[in-house]
Protein backbone atom coordinates (compact mmCIF):
# COMPACT_ATOMS: atom_id res chain seq x y z
CA MET A 1 -25.40 -23.75 11.69
CA ALA A 2 -23.17 -20.97 9.58
CA HIS A 3 -20.58 -19.26 11.44
CA SER A 4 -19.64 -15.41 10.28
CA MET A 5 -17.26 -12.40 11.40
CA VAL A 6 -17.21 -9.08 11.45
CA GLN A 7 -13.97 -7.97 9.61
CA ARG A 8 -12.96 -4.26 9.35
CA ASN A 9 -12.39 -2.17 6.34
CA ILE A 10 -11.36 1.29 5.67
CA GLY A 11 -14.44 3.33 4.41
CA CYS A 12 -14.23 5.51 1.42
CA GLU A 13 -14.15 8.68 3.36
CA ALA A 14 -10.84 7.53 5.31
CA ALA A 15 -9.54 6.14 2.06
CA ALA A 16 -9.92 9.42 0.13
CA ALA A 17 -8.50 11.58 2.73
CA VAL A 18 -5.19 8.58 3.14
CA ALA A 19 -5.12 9.51 -0.64
CA GLN A 20 -4.95 13.10 -0.67
CA ALA A 21 -2.50 13.58 2.33
CA ALA A 22 0.19 11.37 0.23
CA VAL A 23 -0.59 13.54 -2.66
CA ALA A 24 0.26 16.47 -0.26
CA ALA A 25 3.34 15.02 1.43
CA ALA A 26 4.19 14.37 -2.26
CA ARG A 27 4.09 17.76 -3.66
CA GLU A 28 5.88 19.16 -0.44
CA GLN A 29 8.68 16.54 -1.32
CA GLY A 30 8.70 17.59 -4.86
CA ALA A 31 7.68 14.24 -6.16
CA ARG A 32 4.94 13.05 -8.80
CA ILE A 33 2.95 10.31 -7.63
CA ASN A 34 0.45 7.85 -8.08
CA VAL A 35 -1.58 6.63 -4.72
CA ALA A 36 -3.43 3.65 -4.31
CA VAL A 37 -5.66 2.71 -1.25
CA VAL A 38 -7.34 -0.90 -1.17
CA ASP A 39 -9.76 -2.37 1.62
CA ARG A 40 -8.72 -5.69 2.84
CA ALA A 41 -9.55 -7.79 0.17
CA GLY A 42 -7.31 -5.52 -2.28
CA LEU A 43 -10.31 -4.04 -3.61
CA LEU A 44 -9.43 -0.41 -4.85
CA CYS A 45 -11.29 2.14 -2.54
CA ALA A 46 -9.74 5.36 -3.59
CA PHE A 47 -7.11 6.63 -6.13
CA LEU A 48 -5.08 9.90 -7.00
CA ARG A 49 -2.78 10.30 -10.05
CA MET A 50 -0.56 13.64 -9.80
CA PRO A 51 0.06 15.40 -13.47
CA ASP A 52 3.15 14.20 -14.73
CA ALA A 53 3.50 10.67 -12.67
CA PRO A 54 5.15 7.64 -13.98
CA LEU A 55 2.59 5.89 -16.18
CA HIS A 56 3.58 2.63 -15.59
CA SER A 57 3.57 3.80 -11.47
CA ILE A 58 -0.58 3.45 -11.62
CA ASP A 59 -0.06 -0.03 -11.45
CA ILE A 60 2.59 -0.78 -9.63
CA ALA A 61 1.11 1.83 -6.77
CA ILE A 62 -2.36 -0.38 -7.33
CA ASP A 63 -0.35 -3.72 -6.68
CA LYS A 64 1.73 -2.31 -3.59
CA ALA A 65 -1.43 -1.80 -2.18
CA TYR A 66 -2.88 -5.14 -2.74
CA THR A 67 0.49 -6.77 -1.74
CA ALA A 68 0.47 -4.87 1.20
CA ALA A 69 -3.29 -5.91 2.30
CA SER A 70 -2.80 -9.61 0.81
CA PHE A 71 0.00 -10.35 3.61
CA GLY A 72 -0.66 -7.06 6.19
CA LEU A 73 2.91 -6.57 5.41
CA ALA A 74 4.91 -3.54 4.56
CA THR A 75 6.13 -4.25 0.72
CA SER A 76 9.69 -3.05 2.11
CA ARG A 77 10.01 -5.93 4.59
CA TRP A 78 9.95 -8.41 1.73
CA THR A 79 13.45 -8.51 0.75
CA GLU A 80 14.10 -9.85 4.90
CA VAL A 81 11.15 -11.94 4.86
CA LEU A 82 11.93 -13.86 1.82
CA ALA A 83 15.78 -14.50 3.10
CA GLU A 84 14.13 -16.51 5.77
CA HIS A 85 12.43 -18.86 3.21
CA SER A 86 13.95 -21.63 0.66
CA SER A 87 15.32 -20.75 -2.85
CA ALA A 88 11.99 -21.85 -4.29
CA VAL A 89 9.57 -19.56 -2.18
CA ARG A 90 11.98 -16.32 -2.97
CA GLN A 91 12.26 -17.29 -6.53
CA GLY A 92 8.82 -18.34 -6.81
CA LEU A 93 6.72 -15.46 -4.77
CA VAL A 94 8.07 -12.44 -6.90
CA GLN A 95 7.28 -13.70 -10.15
CA ARG A 96 3.29 -13.94 -8.66
CA PRO A 97 1.45 -11.26 -10.81
CA ARG A 98 0.65 -8.38 -8.49
CA PHE A 99 3.13 -8.89 -5.74
CA VAL A 100 5.58 -6.05 -5.21
CA ALA A 101 8.72 -6.65 -2.84
CA PHE A 102 9.81 -3.10 -2.87
CA GLY A 103 8.74 0.08 -0.34
CA GLY A 104 5.96 2.24 -1.19
CA GLY A 105 3.05 -0.23 0.29
CA LEU A 106 1.80 -0.19 3.86
CA PRO A 107 -0.91 -2.15 5.77
CA ILE A 108 -3.70 -0.30 7.14
CA VAL A 109 -4.11 -1.68 10.62
CA ASP A 110 -7.11 -0.68 12.51
CA ASN A 111 -6.80 -1.32 16.52
CA GLY A 112 -4.66 -4.63 15.45
CA GLU A 113 -6.50 -5.58 12.58
CA LEU A 114 -6.04 -5.14 8.89
CA ALA A 115 -8.40 -2.94 7.29
CA GLY A 116 -6.84 -2.00 3.60
CA ALA A 117 -3.48 -0.77 2.63
CA VAL A 118 -2.09 1.97 0.80
CA GLY A 119 0.37 2.10 -2.10
CA VAL A 120 2.35 4.79 -3.45
CA SER A 121 4.61 4.95 -6.66
CA GLY A 122 6.42 7.39 -8.47
CA GLY A 123 9.16 8.51 -5.84
CA SER A 124 11.90 6.83 -5.04
CA GLU A 125 11.36 3.61 -2.63
CA ALA A 126 11.98 5.48 0.58
CA GLN A 127 10.15 8.50 -0.82
CA ASP A 128 7.22 5.97 -2.06
CA GLU A 129 7.24 4.84 1.62
CA GLU A 130 7.28 8.21 3.48
CA ILE A 131 4.46 9.70 1.49
CA ALA A 132 2.50 6.65 2.47
CA LYS A 133 3.00 7.05 5.80
CA ALA A 134 2.29 10.47 5.78
CA GLY A 135 -1.62 9.35 4.01
CA LEU A 136 -1.68 7.05 7.01
CA ALA A 137 -0.74 9.74 9.94
CA ALA A 138 -3.73 11.77 8.09
CA ILE A 139 -6.29 9.08 9.79
CA GLY A 140 -4.93 8.19 12.66
CA MET A 141 -2.76 5.39 11.78
CA ASN A 142 1.14 5.45 11.96
CA LYS A 143 2.87 2.38 10.55
């Protein structure tokens, strides 16, 4: 007998709302950012690029969201988390393609279950994370 389970995933309207709110927050701060929203599998659902946002930050925003969805962990926490592991893990994990270990990626958690993630890149780490939080707040998810 096959078993299956229902998993939460962010919808396209909610993903768009997160991205739009992040851009609005960045505008208030005078930052130029790229913002990506992915579903729980790390697949892109929404993306916005502000004029003059750094080009490298396109992929970084997407990879921050991917990393946050992959582990259900804010990307800003990786320095602390990696400190608890062996040097092999510390050195190896950060070399993985698409893995980002600095601030700006946040998981989207709905009723205790991972539903996706948001990644912001273009400002400082602190700005990126604050802007990502503003995006989540727009859909009632404060993380």
